[in-house]
PDB file of N, CA and C in Angstrom:
ATOM      1  N   MET A   1     -18.467   7.207  -5.616  1.00  0.00           N
ATOM      2  CA  MET A   1     -17.675   6.383  -6.502  1.00  0.00           C
ATOM      3  C   MET A   1     -18.585   5.827  -7.591  1.00  0.00           C
ATOM      4  N   ASN A   2     -18.044   5.683  -8.779  1.00  0.00           N
ATOM      5  CA  ASN A   2     -18.816   5.185  -9.911  1.00  0.00           C
ATOM      6  C   ASN A   2     -18.614   3.695 -10.111  1.00  0.00           C
ATOM      7  N   ASP A   3     -19.562   3.074 -10.787  1.00  0.00           N
ATOM      8  CA  ASP A   3     -19.486   1.653 -11.095  1.00  0.00           C
ATOM      9  C   ASP A   3     -19.266   1.466 -12.576  1.00  0.00           C
ATOM     10  N   LEU A   4     -18.629   0.358 -12.924  1.00  0.00           N
ATOM     11  CA  LEU A   4     -18.376   0.007 -14.307  1.00  0.00           C
ATOM     12  C   LEU A   4     -18.610  -1.481 -14.462  1.00  0.00           C
ATOM     13  N   THR A   5     -19.402  -1.851 -15.429  1.00  0.00           N
ATOM     14  CA  THR A   5     -19.630  -3.262 -15.728  1.00  0.00           C
ATOM     15  C   THR A   5     -19.050  -3.542 -17.101  1.00  0.00           C
ATOM     16  N   ILE A   6     -18.211  -4.550 -17.181  1.00  0.00           N
ATOM     17  CA  ILE A   6     -17.614  -4.930 -18.457  1.00  0.00           C
ATOM     18  C   ILE A   6     -18.168  -6.294 -18.825  1.00  0.00           C
ATOM     19  N   MET A   7     -18.896  -6.326 -19.902  1.00  0.00           N
ATOM     20  CA  MET A   7     -19.513  -7.577 -20.344  1.00  0.00           C
ATOM     21  C   MET A   7     -18.771  -8.099 -21.565  1.00  0.00           C
ATOM     22  N   GLY A   8     -18.846  -9.393 -21.765  1.00  0.00           N
ATOM     23  CA  GLY A   8     -18.295  -9.992 -22.972  1.00  0.00           C
ATOM     24  C   GLY A   8     -16.806 -10.279 -22.926  1.00  0.00           C
ATOM     25  N   LEU A   9     -16.197 -10.353 -21.728  1.00  0.00           N
ATOM     26  CA  LEU A   9     -14.785 -10.725 -21.649  1.00  0.00           C
ATOM     27  C   LEU A   9     -14.641 -12.200 -21.999  1.00  0.00           C
ATOM     28  N   ASP A  10     -13.651 -12.512 -22.826  1.00  0.00           N
ATOM     29  CA  ASP A  10     -13.483 -13.926 -23.167  1.00  0.00           C
ATOM     30  C   ASP A  10     -12.904 -14.688 -21.976  1.00  0.00           C
ATOM     31  N   LYS A  11     -13.068 -15.993 -21.993  1.00  0.00           N
ATOM     32  CA  LYS A  11     -12.684 -16.827 -20.848  1.00  0.00           C
ATOM     33  C   LYS A  11     -11.196 -16.742 -20.548  1.00  0.00           C
ATOM     34  N   ASP A  12     -10.377 -16.684 -21.603  1.00  0.00           N
ATOM     35  CA  ASP A  12      -8.931 -16.618 -21.398  1.00  0.00           C
ATOM     36  C   ASP A  12      -8.531 -15.333 -20.685  1.00  0.00           C
ATOM     37  N   LEU A  13      -9.091 -14.217 -21.117  1.00  0.00           N
ATOM     38  CA  LEU A  13      -8.786 -12.934 -20.494  1.00  0.00           C
ATOM     39  C   LEU A  13      -9.225 -12.917 -19.036  1.00  0.00           C
ATOM     40  N   MET A  14     -10.397 -13.439 -18.772  1.00  0.00           N
ATOM     41  CA  MET A  14     -10.903 -13.481 -17.396  1.00  0.00           C
ATOM     42  C   MET A  14     -10.029 -14.388 -16.528  1.00  0.00           C
ATOM     43  N   ALA A  15      -9.587 -15.505 -17.084  1.00  0.00           N
ATOM     44  CA  ALA A  15      -8.721 -16.424 -16.335  1.00  0.00           C
ATOM     45  C   ALA A  15      -7.379 -15.763 -16.027  1.00  0.00           C
ATOM     46  N   ARG A  16      -6.851 -15.023 -16.982  1.00  0.00           N
ATOM     47  CA  ARG A  16      -5.578 -14.338 -16.763  1.00  0.00           C
ATOM     48  C   ARG A  16      -5.718 -13.250 -15.702  1.00  0.00           C
ATOM     49  N   LEU A  17      -6.835 -12.544 -15.728  1.00  0.00           N
ATOM     50  CA  LEU A  17      -7.093 -11.522 -14.721  1.00  0.00           C
ATOM     51  C   LEU A  17      -7.232 -12.153 -13.341  1.00  0.00           C
ATOM     52  N   ALA A  18      -7.945 -13.252 -13.264  1.00  0.00           N
ATOM     53  CA  ALA A  18      -8.129 -13.948 -11.988  1.00  0.00           C
ATOM     54  C   ALA A  18      -6.792 -14.475 -11.461  1.00  0.00           C
ATOM     55  N   ASP A  19      -5.956 -15.000 -12.354  1.00  0.00           N
ATOM     56  CA  ASP A  19      -4.645 -15.517 -11.961  1.00  0.00           C
ATOM     57  C   ASP A  19      -3.758 -14.384 -11.441  1.00  0.00           C
ATOM     58  N   ARG A  20      -3.776 -13.282 -12.154  1.00  0.00           N
ATOM     59  CA  ARG A  20      -2.972 -12.122 -11.735  1.00  0.00           C
ATOM     60  C   ARG A  20      -3.451 -11.592 -10.391  1.00  0.00           C
ATOM     61  N   ALA A  21      -4.747 -11.533 -10.205  1.00  0.00           N
ATOM     62  CA  ALA A  21      -5.303 -11.058  -8.929  1.00  0.00           C
ATOM     63  C   ALA A  21      -4.899 -11.984  -7.791  1.00  0.00           C
ATOM     64  N   ALA A  22      -4.977 -13.287  -8.026  1.00  0.00           N
ATOM     65  CA  ALA A  22      -4.614 -14.257  -6.992  1.00  0.00           C
ATOM     66  C   ALA A  22      -3.144 -14.121  -6.598  1.00  0.00           C
ATOM     67  N   LYS A  23      -2.284 -13.908  -7.586  1.00  0.00           N
ATOM     68  CA  LYS A  23      -0.856 -13.747  -7.298  1.00  0.00           C
ATOM     69  C   LYS A  23      -0.587 -12.500  -6.461  1.00  0.00           C
ATOM     70  N   GLN A  24      -1.408 -11.476  -6.629  1.00  0.00           N
ATOM     71  CA  GLN A  24      -1.255 -10.240  -5.873  1.00  0.00           C
ATOM     72  C   GLN A  24      -2.030 -10.271  -4.555  1.00  0.00           C
ATOM     73  N   GLY A  25      -2.820 -11.322  -4.335  1.00  0.00           N
ATOM     74  CA  GLY A  25      -3.620 -11.408  -3.119  1.00  0.00           C
ATOM     75  C   GLY A  25      -4.779 -10.435  -3.121  1.00  0.00           C
ATOM     76  N   ARG A  26      -5.325 -10.174  -4.302  1.00  0.00           N
ATOM     77  CA  ARG A  26      -6.424  -9.219  -4.452  1.00  0.00           C
ATOM     78  C   ARG A  26      -7.623  -9.899  -5.080  1.00  0.00           C
ATOM     79  N   SER A  27      -8.756  -9.207  -4.989  1.00  0.00           N
ATOM     80  CA  SER A  27      -9.932  -9.666  -5.719  1.00  0.00           C
ATOM     81  C   SER A  27      -9.752  -9.286  -7.187  1.00  0.00           C
ATOM     82  N   ILE A  28     -10.533  -9.917  -8.044  1.00  0.00           N
ATOM     83  CA  ILE A  28     -10.487  -9.591  -9.469  1.00  0.00           C
ATOM     84  C   ILE A  28     -10.846  -8.123  -9.672  1.00  0.00           C
ATOM     85  N   GLU A  29     -11.826  -7.647  -8.935  1.00  0.00           N
ATOM     86  CA  GLU A  29     -12.249  -6.255  -9.052  1.00  0.00           C
ATOM     87  C   GLU A  29     -11.120  -5.298  -8.667  1.00  0.00           C
ATOM     88  N   GLU A  30     -10.423  -5.582  -7.572  1.00  0.00           N
ATOM     89  CA  GLU A  30      -9.301  -4.735  -7.150  1.00  0.00           C
ATOM     90  C   GLU A  30      -8.196  -4.735  -8.195  1.00  0.00           C
ATOM     91  N   GLU A  31      -7.928  -5.898  -8.747  1.00  0.00           N
ATOM     92  CA  GLU A  31      -6.874  -6.004  -9.753  1.00  0.00           C
ATOM     93  C   GLU A  31      -7.235  -5.215 -11.004  1.00  0.00           C
ATOM     94  N   ALA A  32      -8.478  -5.312 -11.443  1.00  0.00           N
ATOM     95  CA  ALA A  32      -8.929  -4.568 -12.623  1.00  0.00           C
ATOM     96  C   ALA A  32      -8.826  -3.062 -12.372  1.00  0.00           C
ATOM     97  N   ARG A  33      -9.200  -2.617 -11.182  1.00  0.00           N
ATOM     98  CA  ARG A  33      -9.086  -1.192 -10.845  1.00  0.00           C
ATOM     99  C   ARG A  33      -7.631  -0.736 -10.894  1.00  0.00           C
ATOM    100  N   ASP A  34      -6.747  -1.572 -10.348  1.00  0.00           N
ATOM    101  CA  ASP A  34      -5.329  -1.224 -10.321  1.00  0.00           C
ATOM    102  C   ASP A  34      -4.756  -1.157 -11.742  1.00  0.00           C
ATOM    103  N   ILE A  35      -5.128  -2.096 -12.582  1.00  0.00           N
ATOM    104  CA  ILE A  35      -4.664  -2.085 -13.970  1.00  0.00           C
ATOM    105  C   ILE A  35      -5.128  -0.815 -14.675  1.00  0.00           C
ATOM    106  N   LEU A  36      -6.381  -0.462 -14.507  1.00  0.00           N
ATOM    107  CA  LEU A  36      -6.898   0.754 -15.128  1.00  0.00           C
ATOM    108  C   LEU A  36      -6.187   1.998 -14.593  1.00  0.00           C
ATOM    109  N   ARG A  37      -6.025   2.048 -13.279  1.00  0.00           N
ATOM    110  CA  ARG A  37      -5.383   3.208 -12.650  1.00  0.00           C
ATOM    111  C   ARG A  37      -3.959   3.381 -13.172  1.00  0.00           C
ATOM    112  N   ILE A  38      -3.184   2.318 -13.153  1.00  0.00           N
ATOM    113  CA  ILE A  38      -1.792   2.385 -13.602  1.00  0.00           C
ATOM    114  C   ILE A  38      -1.714   2.784 -15.071  1.00  0.00           C
ATOM    115  N   THR A  39      -2.503   2.140 -15.887  1.00  0.00           N
ATOM    116  CA  THR A  39      -2.467   2.399 -17.324  1.00  0.00           C
ATOM    117  C   THR A  39      -2.866   3.830 -17.656  1.00  0.00           C
ATOM    118  N   LEU A  40      -3.940   4.286 -17.081  1.00  0.00           N
ATOM    119  CA  LEU A  40      -4.434   5.621 -17.419  1.00  0.00           C
ATOM    120  C   LEU A  40      -3.558   6.728 -16.858  1.00  0.00           C
ATOM    121  N   TYR A  41      -3.006   6.547 -15.668  1.00  0.00           N
ATOM    122  CA  TYR A  41      -2.122   7.569 -15.127  1.00  0.00           C
ATOM    123  C   TYR A  41      -0.809   7.616 -15.889  1.00  0.00           C
ATOM    124  N   GLN A  42      -0.332   6.478 -16.348  1.00  0.00           N
ATOM    125  CA  GLN A  42       0.911   6.468 -17.117  1.00  0.00           C
ATOM    126  C   GLN A  42       0.727   7.138 -18.470  1.00  0.00           C
ATOM    127  N   GLU A  43      -0.434   7.004 -19.065  1.00  0.00           N
ATOM    128  CA  GLU A  43      -0.683   7.651 -20.351  1.00  0.00           C
ATOM    129  C   GLU A  43      -0.661   9.165 -20.220  1.00  0.00           C
ATOM    130  N   SER A  44      -1.049   9.686 -19.072  1.00  0.00           N
ATOM    131  CA  SER A  44      -1.099  11.133 -18.896  1.00  0.00           C
ATOM    132  C   SER A  44       0.281  11.734 -18.664  1.00  0.00           C
ATOM    133  N   ASP A  45       1.276  10.900 -18.344  1.00  0.00           N
ATOM    134  CA  ASP A  45       2.631  11.393 -18.099  1.00  0.00           C
ATOM    135  C   ASP A  45       3.516  11.050 -19.292  1.00  0.00           C
ATOM    136  N   THR A  46       3.565  11.942 -20.272  1.00  0.00           N
ATOM    137  CA  THR A  46       4.343  11.677 -21.473  1.00  0.00           C
ATOM    138  C   THR A  46       5.801  12.064 -21.314  1.00  0.00           C
ATOM    139  N   SER A  47       6.176  12.658 -20.172  1.00  0.00           N
ATOM    140  CA  SER A  47       7.551  13.095 -19.981  1.00  0.00           C
ATOM    141  C   SER A  47       8.469  11.966 -19.513  1.00  0.00           C
ATOM    142  N   GLU A  48       7.924  10.848 -19.082  1.00  0.00           N
ATOM    143  CA  GLU A  48       8.791   9.782 -18.596  1.00  0.00           C
ATOM    144  C   GLU A  48       9.372   8.982 -19.765  1.00  0.00           C
ATOM    145  N   SER A  49      10.521   8.399 -19.520  1.00  0.00           N
ATOM    146  CA  SER A  49      11.179   7.625 -20.564  1.00  0.00           C
ATOM    147  C   SER A  49      10.520   6.256 -20.691  1.00  0.00           C
ATOM    148  N   LEU A  50      10.808   5.589 -21.775  1.00  0.00           N
ATOM    149  CA  LEU A  50      10.279   4.248 -21.993  1.00  0.00           C
ATOM    150  C   LEU A  50      10.744   3.307 -20.890  1.00  0.00           C
ATOM    151  N   VAL A  51      11.996   3.444 -20.480  1.00  0.00           N
ATOM    152  CA  VAL A  51      12.540   2.594 -19.416  1.00  0.00           C
ATOM    153  C   VAL A  51      11.752   2.812 -18.125  1.00  0.00           C
ATOM    154  N   ASP A  52      11.483   4.067 -17.780  1.00  0.00           N
ATOM    155  CA  ASP A  52      10.722   4.361 -16.566  1.00  0.00           C
ATOM    156  C   ASP A  52       9.311   3.783 -16.641  1.00  0.00           C
ATOM    157  N   ALA A  53       8.688   3.878 -17.813  1.00  0.00           N
ATOM    158  CA  ALA A  53       7.335   3.350 -17.991  1.00  0.00           C
ATOM    159  C   ALA A  53       7.322   1.834 -17.828  1.00  0.00           C
ATOM    160  N   ILE A  54       8.290   1.155 -18.407  1.00  0.00           N
ATOM    161  CA  ILE A  54       8.365  -0.308 -18.290  1.00  0.00           C
ATOM    162  C   ILE A  54       8.624  -0.702 -16.845  1.00  0.00           C
ATOM    163  N   GLN A  55       9.555  -0.016 -16.190  1.00  0.00           N
ATOM    164  CA  GLN A  55       9.859  -0.337 -14.793  1.00  0.00           C
ATOM    165  C   GLN A  55       8.649  -0.127 -13.898  1.00  0.00           C
ATOM    166  N   ALA A  56       7.870   0.911 -14.143  1.00  0.00           N
ATOM    167  CA  ALA A  56       6.674   1.168 -13.337  1.00  0.00           C
ATOM    168  C   ALA A  56       5.654   0.056 -13.513  1.00  0.00           C
ATOM    169  N   ARG A  57       5.465  -0.408 -14.740  1.00  0.00           N
ATOM    170  CA  ARG A  57       4.511  -1.495 -14.971  1.00  0.00           C
ATOM    171  C   ARG A  57       4.964  -2.789 -14.334  1.00  0.00           C
ATOM    172  N   VAL A  58       6.256  -3.090 -14.444  1.00  0.00           N
ATOM    173  CA  VAL A  58       6.790  -4.318 -13.857  1.00  0.00           C
ATOM    174  C   VAL A  58       6.695  -4.249 -12.338  1.00  0.00           C
ATOM    175  N   LYS A  59       7.027  -3.102 -11.774  1.00  0.00           N
ATOM    176  CA  LYS A  59       6.950  -2.932 -10.321  1.00  0.00           C
ATOM    177  C   LYS A  59       5.513  -3.084  -9.836  1.00  0.00           C
ATOM    178  N   ALA A  60       4.563  -2.527 -10.582  1.00  0.00           N
ATOM    179  CA  ALA A  60       3.158  -2.633 -10.203  1.00  0.00           C
ATOM    180  C   ALA A  60       2.675  -4.073 -10.231  1.00  0.00           C
ATOM    181  N   ALA A  61       3.283  -4.878 -11.085  1.00  0.00           N
ATOM    182  CA  ALA A  61       2.909  -6.285 -11.174  1.00  0.00           C
ATOM    183  C   ALA A  61       3.563  -7.109 -10.067  1.00  0.00           C
ATOM    184  N   GLY A  62       4.446  -6.498  -9.310  1.00  0.00           N
ATOM    185  CA  GLY A  62       5.078  -7.198  -8.196  1.00  0.00           C
ATOM    186  C   GLY A  62       6.294  -8.014  -8.588  1.00  0.00           C
ATOM    187  N   ILE A  63       6.805  -7.780  -9.775  1.00  0.00           N
ATOM    188  CA  ILE A  63       8.000  -8.494 -10.231  1.00  0.00           C
ATOM    189  C   ILE A  63       8.985  -7.467 -10.741  1.00  0.00           C
ATOM    190  N   GLY A  64      10.190  -7.880 -10.963  1.00  0.00           N
ATOM    191  CA  GLY A  64      11.123  -6.933 -11.558  1.00  0.00           C
ATOM    192  C   GLY A  64      12.567  -7.289 -11.315  1.00  0.00           C
ATOM    193  N   VAL A  65      13.400  -6.663 -12.088  1.00  0.00           N
ATOM    194  CA  VAL A  65      14.836  -6.829 -12.004  1.00  0.00           C
ATOM    195  C   VAL A  65      15.436  -5.445 -12.171  1.00  0.00           C
ATOM    196  N   ASP A  66      16.429  -5.134 -11.381  1.00  0.00           N
ATOM    197  CA  ASP A  66      17.111  -3.852 -11.525  1.00  0.00           C
ATOM    198  C   ASP A  66      18.299  -4.020 -12.470  1.00  0.00           C
ATOM    199  N   PHE A  67      18.397  -3.127 -13.422  1.00  0.00           N
ATOM    200  CA  PHE A  67      19.491  -3.141 -14.370  1.00  0.00           C
ATOM    201  C   PHE A  67      20.311  -1.872 -14.197  1.00  0.00           C
ATOM    202  N   ASP A  68      21.626  -2.016 -14.309  1.00  0.00           N
ATOM    203  CA  ASP A  68      22.482  -0.851 -14.367  1.00  0.00           C
ATOM    204  C   ASP A  68      22.592  -0.470 -15.840  1.00  0.00           C
ATOM    205  N   LEU A  69      22.016   0.655 -16.196  1.00  0.00           N
ATOM    206  CA  LEU A  69      22.008   1.076 -17.585  1.00  0.00           C
ATOM    207  C   LEU A  69      23.231   1.953 -17.860  1.00  0.00           C
ATOM    208  N   PRO A  70      23.914   1.687 -18.960  1.00  0.00           N
ATOM    209  CA  PRO A  70      25.074   2.518 -19.282  1.00  0.00           C
ATOM    210  C   PRO A  70      24.641   3.912 -19.668  1.00  0.00           C
ATOM    211  N   SER A  71      25.513   4.887 -19.434  1.00  0.00           N
ATOM    212  CA  SER A  71      25.172   6.245 -19.846  1.00  0.00           C
ATOM    213  C   SER A  71      25.251   6.333 -21.368  1.00  0.00           C
ATOM    214  N   ARG A  72      24.411   7.186 -21.920  1.00  0.00           N
ATOM    215  CA  ARG A  72      24.373   7.327 -23.367  1.00  0.00           C
ATOM    216  C   ARG A  72      24.481   8.793 -23.735  1.00  0.00           C
ATOM    217  N   ASP A  73      25.089   9.049 -24.869  1.00  0.00           N
ATOM    218  CA  ASP A  73      25.173  10.405 -25.381  1.00  0.00           C
ATOM    219  C   ASP A  73      23.841  10.755 -26.032  1.00  0.00           C
ATOM    220  N   LYS A  74      23.543  12.048 -26.053  1.00  0.00           N
ATOM    221  CA  LYS A  74      22.322  12.497 -26.707  1.00  0.00           C
ATOM    222  C   LYS A  74      22.445  12.281 -28.215  1.00  0.00           C
ATOM    223  N   ILE A  75      21.313  12.024 -28.840  1.00  0.00           N
ATOM    224  CA  ILE A  75      21.295  11.866 -30.285  1.00  0.00           C
ATOM    225  C   ILE A  75      21.506  13.227 -30.923  1.00  0.00           C
ATOM    226  N   ARG A  76      22.333  13.261 -31.967  1.00  0.00           N
ATOM    227  CA  ARG A  76      22.606  14.542 -32.628  1.00  0.00           C
ATOM    228  C   ARG A  76      21.420  15.035 -33.380  1.00  0.00           C
TER     229      ARG A  76
END
């Protein structure tokens, strides 16, 4: 496994990362790995819809709401 050191993070960003990790019951390092994993894997899948991408990110964050989306006709 490889290591990565990120230097120069501002205090606000680090605090937000720490808060997010605490809410998930993870270490800051685990949370950062998960954010990178989710983000990079989602970028490689360009076939998913915007709705699917948003739902995946919200689900990964441990929050979310299910919406019944109306059917739509294809754009001409």
